Amino acid sequence: MTAADPADLLALATRAAREAGGLLRAGREGMASELDTKTSPTDIVTAMDRAAEELIVTRLLAERPADGMLGEEGGARPGSSGVRWLIDPIDGTVNYLYRLPSWSVSIAAELDG
């Protein structure tokens, strides 16, 4: 896949998000000791945030190595294809931590800015 066909990008994002969601569901147990903060004491990041972002970036780059990346947990790299992926591996981290159902994996493709 080299062209920036929106349907192909959506399919790739969906596959990566589903795989990351499976990782996140399986990894919730025992992660309470693996918390950190980013910009404030209430801006929480978990080891699972980082693991899910790494999985997503790996999957996206495997199929589209020339794309740029911007991940919420610090994964940023320039690209040359005109596509930049925007990744929030756990959108709703506090809900995820408290085992509330309102969290998701968010992935978007930005085309030519």
PDB file of N, CA and C in Angstrom:
ATOM      1  N   MET A   1       0.857  -1.175   0.000  1.00  0.00           N
ATOM      2  CA  MET A   1       0.000   0.000   0.000  1.00  0.00           C
ATOM      3  C   MET A   1       0.901   1.235   0.000  1.00  0.00           C
ATOM      4  N   THR A   2       0.887   2.015  -1.052  1.00  0.00           N
ATOM      5  CA  THR A   2       1.698   3.222  -1.101  1.00  0.00           C
ATOM      6  C   THR A   2       0.855   4.470  -1.293  1.00  0.00           C
ATOM      7  N   ALA A   3      -0.198   4.405  -2.083  1.00  0.00           N
ATOM      8  CA  ALA A   3      -1.057   5.566  -2.298  1.00  0.00           C
ATOM      9  C   ALA A   3      -1.847   5.853  -1.030  1.00  0.00           C
ATOM     10  N   ALA A   4      -2.268   7.091  -0.885  1.00  0.00           N
ATOM     11  CA  ALA A   4      -3.026   7.502   0.292  1.00  0.00           C
ATOM     12  C   ALA A   4      -4.527   7.388   0.021  1.00  0.00           C
ATOM     13  N   ASP A   5      -4.995   6.191  -0.277  1.00  0.00           N
ATOM     14  CA  ASP A   5      -6.423   5.939  -0.474  1.00  0.00           C
ATOM     15  C   ASP A   5      -7.091   5.913   0.900  1.00  0.00           C
ATOM     16  N   PRO A   6      -8.047   6.819   1.159  1.00  0.00           N
ATOM     17  CA  PRO A   6      -8.683   6.870   2.470  1.00  0.00           C
ATOM     18  C   PRO A   6      -9.276   5.536   2.928  1.00  0.00           C
ATOM     19  N   ALA A   7      -9.827   4.757   2.030  1.00  0.00           N
ATOM     20  CA  ALA A   7     -10.401   3.461   2.421  1.00  0.00           C
ATOM     21  C   ALA A   7      -9.310   2.510   2.912  1.00  0.00           C
ATOM     22  N   ASP A   8      -8.161   2.531   2.268  1.00  0.00           N
ATOM     23  CA  ASP A   8      -7.042   1.687   2.708  1.00  0.00           C
ATOM     24  C   ASP A   8      -6.497   2.153   4.056  1.00  0.00           C
ATOM     25  N   LEU A   9      -6.413   3.476   4.229  1.00  0.00           N
ATOM     26  CA  LEU A   9      -5.934   4.014   5.499  1.00  0.00           C
ATOM     27  C   LEU A   9      -6.887   3.644   6.630  1.00  0.00           C
ATOM     28  N   LEU A  10      -8.184   3.746   6.364  1.00  0.00           N
ATOM     29  CA  LEU A  10      -9.180   3.374   7.367  1.00  0.00           C
ATOM     30  C   LEU A  10      -9.071   1.900   7.736  1.00  0.00           C
ATOM     31  N   ALA A  11      -8.916   1.059   6.744  1.00  0.00           N
ATOM     32  CA  ALA A  11      -8.796  -0.380   7.013  1.00  0.00           C
ATOM     33  C   ALA A  11      -7.556  -0.680   7.855  1.00  0.00           C
ATOM     34  N   LEU A  12      -6.442  -0.032   7.535  1.00  0.00           N
ATOM     35  CA  LEU A  12      -5.214  -0.232   8.304  1.00  0.00           C
ATOM     36  C   LEU A  12      -5.380   0.274   9.730  1.00  0.00           C
ATOM     37  N   ALA A  13      -5.954   1.467   9.892  1.00  0.00           N
ATOM     38  CA  ALA A  13      -6.183   2.021  11.229  1.00  0.00           C
ATOM     39  C   ALA A  13      -7.102   1.119  12.047  1.00  0.00           C
ATOM     40  N   THR A  14      -8.130   0.579  11.416  1.00  0.00           N
ATOM     41  CA  THR A  14      -9.071  -0.303  12.112  1.00  0.00           C
ATOM     42  C   THR A  14      -8.378  -1.571  12.587  1.00  0.00           C
ATOM     43  N   ARG A  15      -7.567  -2.172  11.727  1.00  0.00           N
ATOM     44  CA  ARG A  15      -6.831  -3.383  12.131  1.00  0.00           C
ATOM     45  C   ARG A  15      -5.895  -3.097  13.303  1.00  0.00           C
ATOM     46  N   ALA A  16      -5.160  -1.998  13.218  1.00  0.00           N
ATOM     47  CA  ALA A  16      -4.225  -1.647  14.290  1.00  0.00           C
ATOM     48  C   ALA A  16      -4.964  -1.336  15.593  1.00  0.00           C
ATOM     49  N   ALA A  17      -6.080  -0.625  15.501  1.00  0.00           N
ATOM     50  CA  ALA A  17      -6.858  -0.275  16.694  1.00  0.00           C
ATOM     51  C   ALA A  17      -7.450  -1.512  17.347  1.00  0.00           C
ATOM     52  N   ARG A  18      -7.965  -2.427  16.562  1.00  0.00           N
ATOM     53  CA  ARG A  18      -8.525  -3.666  17.129  1.00  0.00           C
ATOM     54  C   ARG A  18      -7.448  -4.489  17.824  1.00  0.00           C
ATOM     55  N   GLU A  19      -6.278  -4.576  17.213  1.00  0.00           N
ATOM     56  CA  GLU A  19      -5.203  -5.336  17.840  1.00  0.00           C
ATOM     57  C   GLU A  19      -4.747  -4.661  19.138  1.00  0.00           C
ATOM     58  N   ALA A  20      -4.615  -3.339  19.107  1.00  0.00           N
ATOM     59  CA  ALA A  20      -4.233  -2.613  20.322  1.00  0.00           C
ATOM     60  C   ALA A  20      -5.306  -2.746  21.395  1.00  0.00           C
ATOM     61  N   GLY A  21      -6.578  -2.700  21.008  1.00  0.00           N
ATOM     62  CA  GLY A  21      -7.661  -2.882  21.969  1.00  0.00           C
ATOM     63  C   GLY A  21      -7.592  -4.242  22.651  1.00  0.00           C
ATOM     64  N   GLY A  22      -7.273  -5.283  21.898  1.00  0.00           N
ATOM     65  CA  GLY A  22      -7.111  -6.614  22.478  1.00  0.00           C
ATOM     66  C   GLY A  22      -5.962  -6.641  23.472  1.00  0.00           C
ATOM     67  N   LEU A  23      -4.851  -6.015  23.122  1.00  0.00           N
ATOM     68  CA  LEU A  23      -3.715  -5.928  24.035  1.00  0.00           C
ATOM     69  C   LEU A  23      -4.119  -5.200  25.314  1.00  0.00           C
ATOM     70  N   LEU A  24      -4.848  -4.095  25.159  1.00  0.00           N
ATOM     71  CA  LEU A  24      -5.249  -3.299  26.321  1.00  0.00           C
ATOM     72  C   LEU A  24      -6.232  -4.041  27.222  1.00  0.00           C
ATOM     73  N   ARG A  25      -7.182  -4.747  26.637  1.00  0.00           N
ATOM     74  CA  ARG A  25      -8.124  -5.518  27.459  1.00  0.00           C
ATOM     75  C   ARG A  25      -7.381  -6.600  28.234  1.00  0.00           C
ATOM     76  N   ALA A  26      -6.458  -7.276  27.578  1.00  0.00           N
ATOM     77  CA  ALA A  26      -5.717  -8.358  28.221  1.00  0.00           C
ATOM     78  C   ALA A  26      -4.738  -7.842  29.273  1.00  0.00           C
ATOM     79  N   GLY A  27      -4.260  -6.616  29.128  1.00  0.00           N
ATOM     80  CA  GLY A  27      -3.210  -6.113  30.007  1.00  0.00           C
ATOM     81  C   GLY A  27      -3.644  -5.285  31.184  1.00  0.00           C
ATOM     82  N   ARG A  28      -4.940  -5.111  31.392  1.00  0.00           N
ATOM     83  CA  ARG A  28      -5.390  -4.256  32.499  1.00  0.00           C
ATOM     84  C   ARG A  28      -5.057  -4.821  33.868  1.00  0.00           C
ATOM     85  N   GLU A  29      -5.085  -6.121  34.020  1.00  0.00           N
ATOM     86  CA  GLU A  29      -4.812  -6.720  35.328  1.00  0.00           C
ATOM     87  C   GLU A  29      -3.359  -6.490  35.725  1.00  0.00           C
ATOM     88  N   GLY A  30      -3.143  -6.048  36.937  1.00  0.00           N
ATOM     89  CA  GLY A  30      -1.802  -5.908  37.467  1.00  0.00           C
ATOM     90  C   GLY A  30      -1.027  -4.698  37.007  1.00  0.00           C
ATOM     91  N   MET A  31      -1.661  -3.744  36.332  1.00  0.00           N
ATOM     92  CA  MET A  31      -0.894  -2.611  35.831  1.00  0.00           C
ATOM     93  C   MET A  31      -0.929  -1.405  36.767  1.00  0.00           C
ATOM     94  N   ALA A  32      -1.643  -1.471  37.880  1.00  0.00           N
ATOM     95  CA  ALA A  32      -1.770  -0.316  38.762  1.00  0.00           C
ATOM     96  C   ALA A  32      -0.417   0.178  39.263  1.00  0.00           C
ATOM     97  N   SER A  33       0.553  -0.705  39.364  1.00  0.00           N
ATOM     98  CA  SER A  33       1.874  -0.290  39.847  1.00  0.00           C
ATOM     99  C   SER A  33       2.717   0.333  38.736  1.00  0.00           C
ATOM    100  N   GLU A  34       2.192   0.392  37.538  1.00  0.00           N
ATOM    101  CA  GLU A  34       2.951   0.895  36.400  1.00  0.00           C
ATOM    102  C   GLU A  34       2.387   2.223  35.896  1.00  0.00           C
ATOM    103  N   LEU A  35       2.135   3.159  36.817  1.00  0.00           N
ATOM    104  CA  LEU A  35       1.569   4.458  36.456  1.00  0.00           C
ATOM    105  C   LEU A  35       2.635   5.533  36.515  1.00  0.00           C
ATOM    106  N   ASP A  36       2.466   6.539  35.680  1.00  0.00           N
ATOM    107  CA  ASP A  36       3.350   7.698  35.668  1.00  0.00           C
ATOM    108  C   ASP A  36       2.470   8.891  35.330  1.00  0.00           C
ATOM    109  N   THR A  37       3.005  10.092  35.456  1.00  0.00           N
ATOM    110  CA  THR A  37       2.262  11.287  35.063  1.00  0.00           C
ATOM    111  C   THR A  37       3.041  12.019  33.987  1.00  0.00           C
ATOM    112  N   LYS A  38       2.302  12.844  33.237  1.00  0.00           N
ATOM    113  CA  LYS A  38       2.934  13.615  32.156  1.00  0.00           C
ATOM    114  C   LYS A  38       2.998  15.082  32.571  1.00  0.00           C
ATOM    115  N   THR A  39       1.976  15.849  32.263  1.00  0.00           N
ATOM    116  CA  THR A  39       2.020  17.293  32.490  1.00  0.00           C
ATOM    117  C   THR A  39       1.528  17.725  33.864  1.00  0.00           C
ATOM    118  N   SER A  40       0.748  16.870  34.540  1.00  0.00           N
ATOM    119  CA  SER A  40       0.220  17.202  35.865  1.00  0.00           C
ATOM    120  C   SER A  40      -0.094  15.899  36.597  1.00  0.00           C
ATOM    121  N   PRO A  41      -0.363  15.958  37.899  1.00  0.00           N
ATOM    122  CA  PRO A  41      -0.672  14.725  38.645  1.00  0.00           C
ATOM    123  C   PRO A  41      -1.915  13.990  38.143  1.00  0.00           C
ATOM    124  N   THR A  42      -2.795  14.684  37.435  1.00  0.00           N
ATOM    125  CA  THR A  42      -3.996  14.027  36.912  1.00  0.00           C
ATOM    126  C   THR A  42      -3.847  13.608  35.453  1.00  0.00           C
ATOM    127  N   ASP A  43      -2.712  13.907  34.836  1.00  0.00           N
ATOM    128  CA  ASP A  43      -2.445  13.517  33.445  1.00  0.00           C
ATOM    129  C   ASP A  43      -1.648  12.214  33.484  1.00  0.00           C
ATOM    130  N   ILE A  44      -2.372  11.115  33.561  1.00  0.00           N
ATOM    131  CA  ILE A  44      -1.783   9.801  33.830  1.00  0.00           C
ATOM    132  C   ILE A  44      -1.413   9.089  32.537  1.00  0.00           C
ATOM    133  N   VAL A  45      -0.288   8.380  32.593  1.00  0.00           N
ATOM    134  CA  VAL A  45       0.117   7.505  31.498  1.00  0.00           C
ATOM    135  C   VAL A  45       0.483   6.160  32.122  1.00  0.00           C
ATOM    136  N   THR A  46       0.111   5.099  31.455  1.00  0.00           N
ATOM    137  CA  THR A  46       0.396   3.761  31.962  1.00  0.00           C
ATOM    138  C   THR A  46       1.364   3.045  31.027  1.00  0.00           C
ATOM    139  N   ALA A  47       1.927   1.967  31.527  1.00  0.00           N
ATOM    140  CA  ALA A  47       2.766   1.119  30.683  1.00  0.00           C
ATOM    141  C   ALA A  47       1.945   0.590  29.514  1.00  0.00           C
ATOM    142  N   MET A  48       0.651   0.404  29.715  1.00  0.00           N
ATOM    143  CA  MET A  48      -0.212  -0.085  28.642  1.00  0.00           C
ATOM    144  C   MET A  48      -0.395   0.970  27.556  1.00  0.00           C
ATOM    145  N   ASP A  49      -0.453   2.268  27.931  1.00  0.00           N
ATOM    146  CA  ASP A  49      -0.481   3.337  26.921  1.00  0.00           C
ATOM    147  C   ASP A  49       0.731   3.194  26.005  1.00  0.00           C
ATOM    148  N   ARG A  50       1.879   3.062  26.626  1.00  0.00           N
ATOM    149  CA  ARG A  50       3.125   2.989  25.861  1.00  0.00           C
ATOM    150  C   ARG A  50       3.193   1.723  25.004  1.00  0.00           C
ATOM    151  N   ALA A  51       2.773   0.594  25.575  1.00  0.00           N
ATOM    152  CA  ALA A  51       2.803  -0.672  24.824  1.00  0.00           C
ATOM    153  C   ALA A  51       1.847  -0.623  23.638  1.00  0.00           C
ATOM    154  N   ALA A  52       0.647  -0.065  23.847  1.00  0.00           N
ATOM    155  CA  ALA A  52      -0.331   0.017  22.760  1.00  0.00           C
ATOM    156  C   ALA A  52       0.158   0.963  21.667  1.00  0.00           C
ATOM    157  N   GLU A  53       0.755   2.092  22.049  1.00  0.00           N
ATOM    158  CA  GLU A  53       1.267   3.014  21.037  1.00  0.00           C
ATOM    159  C   GLU A  53       2.390   2.351  20.235  1.00  0.00           C
ATOM    160  N   GLU A  54       3.267   1.646  20.899  1.00  0.00           N
ATOM    161  CA  GLU A  54       4.350   0.958  20.199  1.00  0.00           C
ATOM    162  C   GLU A  54       3.792  -0.074  19.210  1.00  0.00           C
ATOM    163  N   LEU A  55       2.783  -0.826  19.635  1.00  0.00           N
ATOM    164  CA  LEU A  55       2.158  -1.811  18.746  1.00  0.00           C
ATOM    165  C   LEU A  55       1.558  -1.120  17.520  1.00  0.00           C
ATOM    166  N   ILE A  56       0.823  -0.039  17.750  1.00  0.00           N
ATOM    167  CA  ILE A  56       0.163   0.676  16.647  1.00  0.00           C
ATOM    168  C   ILE A  56       1.194   1.216  15.662  1.00  0.00           C
ATOM    169  N   VAL A  57       2.214   1.881  16.176  1.00  0.00           N
ATOM    170  CA  VAL A  57       3.248   2.446  15.308  1.00  0.00           C
ATOM    171  C   VAL A  57       3.928   1.347  14.504  1.00  0.00           C
ATOM    172  N   THR A  58       4.228   0.238  15.148  1.00  0.00           N
ATOM    173  CA  THR A  58       4.869  -0.887  14.451  1.00  0.00           C
ATOM    174  C   THR A  58       3.989  -1.398  13.318  1.00  0.00           C
ATOM    175  N   ARG A  59       2.689  -1.572  13.578  1.00  0.00           N
ATOM    176  CA  ARG A  59       1.772  -2.069  12.547  1.00  0.00           C
ATOM    177  C   ARG A  59       1.643  -1.088  11.388  1.00  0.00           C
ATOM    178  N   LEU A  60       1.507   0.199  11.702  1.00  0.00           N
ATOM    179  CA  LEU A  60       1.348   1.199  10.648  1.00  0.00           C
ATOM    180  C   LEU A  60       2.601   1.291   9.782  1.00  0.00           C
ATOM    181  N   LEU A  61       3.762   1.317  10.421  1.00  0.00           N
ATOM    182  CA  LEU A  61       5.009   1.438   9.661  1.00  0.00           C
ATOM    183  C   LEU A  61       5.332   0.181   8.859  1.00  0.00           C
ATOM    184  N   ALA A  62       4.857  -0.962   9.312  1.00  0.00           N
ATOM    185  CA  ALA A  62       5.092  -2.198   8.562  1.00  0.00           C
ATOM    186  C   ALA A  62       4.446  -2.120   7.177  1.00  0.00           C
ATOM    187  N   GLU A  63       3.292  -1.453   7.101  1.00  0.00           N
ATOM    188  CA  GLU A  63       2.593  -1.339   5.818  1.00  0.00           C
ATOM    189  C   GLU A  63       2.859  -0.021   5.104  1.00  0.00           C
ATOM    190  N   ARG A  64       3.220   1.009   5.868  1.00  0.00           N
ATOM    191  CA  ARG A  64       3.405   2.343   5.278  1.00  0.00           C
ATOM    192  C   ARG A  64       4.662   2.990   5.882  1.00  0.00           C
ATOM    193  N   PRO A  65       5.834   2.500   5.527  1.00  0.00           N
ATOM    194  CA  PRO A  65       7.070   2.962   6.161  1.00  0.00           C
ATOM    195  C   PRO A  65       7.442   4.414   5.894  1.00  0.00           C
ATOM    196  N   ALA A  66       6.860   5.040   4.887  1.00  0.00           N
ATOM    197  CA  ALA A  66       7.194   6.434   4.583  1.00  0.00           C
ATOM    198  C   ALA A  66       6.289   7.431   5.291  1.00  0.00           C
ATOM    199  N   ASP A  67       5.331   6.951   6.078  1.00  0.00           N
ATOM    200  CA  ASP A  67       4.390   7.843   6.764  1.00  0.00           C
ATOM    201  C   ASP A  67       5.004   8.445   8.016  1.00  0.00           C
ATOM    202  N   GLY A  68       4.504   9.619   8.380  1.00  0.00           N
ATOM    203  CA  GLY A  68       4.869  10.256   9.633  1.00  0.00           C
ATOM    204  C   GLY A  68       3.990   9.760  10.756  1.00  0.00           C
ATOM    205  N   MET A  69       4.433   9.973  11.992  1.00  0.00           N
ATOM    206  CA  MET A  69       3.693   9.536  13.174  1.00  0.00           C
ATOM    207  C   MET A  69       3.717  10.641  14.220  1.00  0.00           C
ATOM    208  N   LEU A  70       2.608  10.797  14.927  1.00  0.00           N
ATOM    209  CA  LEU A  70       2.545  11.660  16.097  1.00  0.00           C
ATOM    210  C   LEU A  70       1.696  10.935  17.125  1.00  0.00           C
ATOM    211  N   GLY A  71       2.350  10.402  18.147  1.00  0.00           N
ATOM    212  CA  GLY A  71       1.655   9.664  19.192  1.00  0.00           C
ATOM    213  C   GLY A  71       1.580  10.468  20.470  1.00  0.00           C
ATOM    214  N   GLU A  72       0.497  10.312  21.194  1.00  0.00           N
ATOM    215  CA  GLU A  72       0.302  11.062  22.437  1.00  0.00           C
ATOM    216  C   GLU A  72       1.379  10.750  23.473  1.00  0.00           C
ATOM    217  N   GLU A  73       1.905   9.556  23.440  1.00  0.00           N
ATOM    218  CA  GLU A  73       2.894   9.166  24.442  1.00  0.00           C
ATOM    219  C   GLU A  73       4.322   9.445  23.994  1.00  0.00           C
ATOM    220  N   GLY A  74       4.492  10.258  22.979  1.00  0.00           N
ATOM    221  CA  GLY A  74       5.815  10.707  22.603  1.00  0.00           C
ATOM    222  C   GLY A  74       6.374  10.137  21.327  1.00  0.00           C
ATOM    223  N   GLY A  75       5.641   9.270  20.687  1.00  0.00           N
ATOM    224  CA  GLY A  75       6.136   8.687  19.449  1.00  0.00           C
ATOM    225  C   GLY A  75       5.940   9.636  18.290  1.00  0.00           C
ATOM    226  N   ALA A  76       6.985  10.358  17.906  1.00  0.00           N
ATOM    227  CA  ALA A  76       6.892  11.282  16.777  1.00  0.00           C
ATOM    228  C   ALA A  76       8.019  10.985  15.799  1.00  0.00           C
ATOM    229  N   ARG A  77       7.664  10.965  14.519  1.00  0.00           N
ATOM    230  CA  ARG A  77       8.690  10.806  13.481  1.00  0.00           C
ATOM    231  C   ARG A  77       8.165  11.447  12.215  1.00  0.00           C
ATOM    232  N   PRO A  78       9.053  12.098  11.479  1.00  0.00           N
ATOM    233  CA  PRO A  78       8.628  12.710  10.219  1.00  0.00           C
ATOM    234  C   PRO A  78       8.410  11.635   9.152  1.00  0.00           C
ATOM    235  N   GLY A  79       7.691  11.993   8.143  1.00  0.00           N
ATOM    236  CA  GLY A  79       7.457  11.083   7.028  1.00  0.00           C
ATOM    237  C   GLY A  79       7.620  11.814   5.710  1.00  0.00           C
ATOM    238  N   SER A  80       7.564  11.070   4.626  1.00  0.00           N
ATOM    239  CA  SER A  80       7.730  11.675   3.302  1.00  0.00           C
ATOM    240  C   SER A  80       6.567  11.363   2.360  1.00  0.00           C
ATOM    241  N   SER A  81       5.550  10.672   2.856  1.00  0.00           N
ATOM    242  CA  SER A  81       4.449  10.226   1.997  1.00  0.00           C
ATOM    243  C   SER A  81       3.287  11.213   1.889  1.00  0.00           C
ATOM    244  N   GLY A  82       3.251  12.213   2.774  1.00  0.00           N
ATOM    245  CA  GLY A  82       2.092  13.104   2.840  1.00  0.00           C
ATOM    246  C   GLY A  82       1.033  12.624   3.816  1.00  0.00           C
ATOM    247  N   VAL A  83       1.263  11.459   4.436  1.00  0.00           N
ATOM    248  CA  VAL A  83       0.350  10.926   5.443  1.00  0.00           C
ATOM    249  C   VAL A  83       1.048  10.991   6.801  1.00  0.00           C
ATOM    250  N   ARG A  84       0.327  11.520   7.795  1.00  0.00           N
ATOM    251  CA  ARG A  84       0.814  11.498   9.167  1.00  0.00           C
ATOM    252  C   ARG A  84      -0.281  10.878  10.027  1.00  0.00           C
ATOM    253  N   TRP A  85       0.103   9.876  10.792  1.00  0.00           N
ATOM    254  CA  TRP A  85      -0.823   9.201  11.693  1.00  0.00           C
ATOM    255  C   TRP A  85      -0.812   9.897  13.041  1.00  0.00           C
ATOM    256  N   LEU A  86      -2.007  10.134  13.597  1.00  0.00           N
ATOM    257  CA  LEU A  86      -2.185  10.733  14.913  1.00  0.00           C
ATOM    258  C   LEU A  86      -2.758   9.649  15.815  1.00  0.00           C
ATOM    259  N   ILE A  87      -2.059   9.365  16.918  1.00  0.00           N
ATOM    260  CA  ILE A  87      -2.377   8.183  17.721  1.00  0.00           C
ATOM    261  C   ILE A  87      -2.581   8.561  19.183  1.00  0.00           C
ATOM    262  N   ASP A  88      -3.719   8.171  19.726  1.00  0.00           N
ATOM    263  CA  ASP A  88      -3.966   8.216  21.166  1.00  0.00           C
ATOM    264  C   ASP A  88      -4.267   6.776  21.564  1.00  0.00           C
ATOM    265  N   PRO A  89      -3.293   6.072  22.131  1.00  0.00           N
ATOM    266  CA  PRO A  89      -3.459   4.639  22.362  1.00  0.00           C
ATOM    267  C   PRO A  89      -4.560   4.289  23.360  1.00  0.00           C
ATOM    268  N   ILE A  90      -4.771   5.146  24.363  1.00  0.00           N
ATOM    269  CA  ILE A  90      -5.920   4.969  25.261  1.00  0.00           C
ATOM    270  C   ILE A  90      -6.566   6.336  25.410  1.00  0.00           C
ATOM    271  N   ASP A  91      -7.616   6.547  24.676  1.00  0.00           N
ATOM    272  CA  ASP A  91      -8.388   7.782  24.776  1.00  0.00           C
ATOM    273  C   ASP A  91      -9.384   7.559  25.912  1.00  0.00           C
ATOM    274  N   GLY A  92      -9.084   8.129  27.067  1.00  0.00           N
ATOM    275  CA  GLY A  92      -9.883   7.894  28.273  1.00  0.00           C
ATOM    276  C   GLY A  92      -9.116   7.039  29.274  1.00  0.00           C
ATOM    277  N   THR A  93      -7.854   7.404  29.526  1.00  0.00           N
ATOM    278  CA  THR A  93      -6.998   6.590  30.393  1.00  0.00           C
ATOM    279  C   THR A  93      -7.564   6.424  31.800  1.00  0.00           C
ATOM    280  N   VAL A  94      -8.132   7.472  32.369  1.00  0.00           N
ATOM    281  CA  VAL A  94      -8.681   7.361  33.733  1.00  0.00           C
ATOM    282  C   VAL A  94      -9.828   6.350  33.753  1.00  0.00           C
ATOM    283  N   ASN A  95     -10.699   6.395  32.756  1.00  0.00           N
ATOM    284  CA  ASN A  95     -11.773   5.395  32.676  1.00  0.00           C
ATOM    285  C   ASN A  95     -11.187   3.998  32.540  1.00  0.00           C
ATOM    286  N   TYR A  96     -10.163   3.856  31.723  1.00  0.00           N
ATOM    287  CA  TYR A  96      -9.490   2.566  31.551  1.00  0.00           C
ATOM    288  C   TYR A  96      -8.958   2.063  32.895  1.00  0.00           C
ATOM    289  N   LEU A  97      -8.307   2.950  33.650  1.00  0.00           N
ATOM    290  CA  LEU A  97      -7.739   2.557  34.945  1.00  0.00           C
ATOM    291  C   LEU A  97      -8.808   2.094  35.931  1.00  0.00           C
ATOM    292  N   TYR A  98      -9.956   2.777  35.909  1.00  0.00           N
ATOM    293  CA  TYR A  98     -11.038   2.430  36.828  1.00  0.00           C
ATOM    294  C   TYR A  98     -11.985   1.383  36.258  1.00  0.00           C
ATOM    295  N   ARG A  99     -11.589   0.788  35.145  1.00  0.00           N
ATOM    296  CA  ARG A  99     -12.344  -0.282  34.498  1.00  0.00           C
ATOM    297  C   ARG A  99     -13.754   0.145  34.093  1.00  0.00           C
ATOM    298  N   LEU A 100     -13.865   1.419  33.696  1.00  0.00           N
ATOM    299  CA  LEU A 100     -15.118   1.926  33.148  1.00  0.00           C
ATOM    300  C   LEU A 100     -15.104   1.653  31.645  1.00  0.00           C
ATOM    301  N   PRO A 101     -16.261   1.456  31.039  1.00  0.00           N
ATOM    302  CA  PRO A 101     -16.285   1.064  29.617  1.00  0.00           C
ATOM    303  C   PRO A 101     -16.007   2.197  28.628  1.00  0.00           C
ATOM    304  N   SER A 102     -15.927   3.431  29.083  1.00  0.00           N
ATOM    305  CA  SER A 102     -15.792   4.570  28.163  1.00  0.00           C
ATOM    306  C   SER A 102     -14.329   4.927  27.907  1.00  0.00           C
ATOM    307  N   TRP A 103     -13.665   4.105  27.125  1.00  0.00           N
ATOM    308  CA  TRP A 103     -12.313   4.396  26.640  1.00  0.00           C
ATOM    309  C   TRP A 103     -12.200   3.784  25.259  1.00  0.00           C
ATOM    310  N   SER A 104     -11.228   4.244  24.502  1.00  0.00           N
ATOM    311  CA  SER A 104     -11.068   3.719  23.150  1.00  0.00           C
ATOM    312  C   SER A 104      -9.625   3.893  22.687  1.00  0.00           C
ATOM    313  N   VAL A 105      -9.329   3.291  21.573  1.00  0.00           N
ATOM    314  CA  VAL A 105      -8.084   3.507  20.854  1.00  0.00           C
ATOM    315  C   VAL A 105      -8.422   4.484  19.728  1.00  0.00           C
ATOM    316  N   SER A 106      -7.695   5.589  19.639  1.00  0.00           N
ATOM    317  CA  SER A 106      -7.977   6.585  18.598  1.00  0.00           C
ATOM    318  C   SER A 106      -6.795   6.685  17.631  1.00  0.00           C
ATOM    319  N   ILE A 107      -7.085   6.502  16.357  1.00  0.00           N
ATOM    320  CA  ILE A 107      -6.072   6.603  15.311  1.00  0.00           C
ATOM    321  C   ILE A 107      -6.700   7.410  14.163  1.00  0.00           C
ATOM    322  N   ALA A 108      -5.983   8.430  13.709  1.00  0.00           N
ATOM    323  CA  ALA A 108      -6.441   9.219  12.565  1.00  0.00           C
ATOM    324  C   ALA A 108      -5.299   9.347  11.562  1.00  0.00           C
ATOM    325  N   ALA A 109      -5.652   9.482  10.303  1.00  0.00           N
ATOM    326  CA  ALA A 109      -4.667   9.742   9.252  1.00  0.00           C
ATOM    327  C   ALA A 109      -4.893  11.154   8.727  1.00  0.00           C
ATOM    328  N   GLU A 110      -3.847  11.947   8.788  1.00  0.00           N
ATOM    329  CA  GLU A 110      -3.865  13.305   8.257  1.00  0.00           C
ATOM    330  C   GLU A 110      -3.201  13.256   6.878  1.00  0.00           C
ATOM    331  N   LEU A 111      -3.899  13.766   5.887  1.00  0.00           N
ATOM    332  CA  LEU A 111      -3.383  13.748   4.522  1.00  0.00           C
ATOM    333  C   LEU A 111      -2.921  15.136   4.097  1.00  0.00           C
ATOM    334  N   ASP A 112      -1.655  15.250   3.769  1.00  0.00           N
ATOM    335  CA  ASP A 112      -1.080  16.506   3.289  1.00  0.00           C
ATOM    336  C   ASP A 112      -1.421  17.702   4.183  1.00  0.00           C
ATOM    337  N   GLY A 113      -1.291  17.510   5.482  1.00  0.00           N
ATOM    338  CA  GLY A 113      -1.524  18.585   6.445  1.00  0.00           C
ATOM    339  C   GLY A 113      -2.966  18.816   6.717  1.00  0.00           C
TER     340      GLY A 113
END
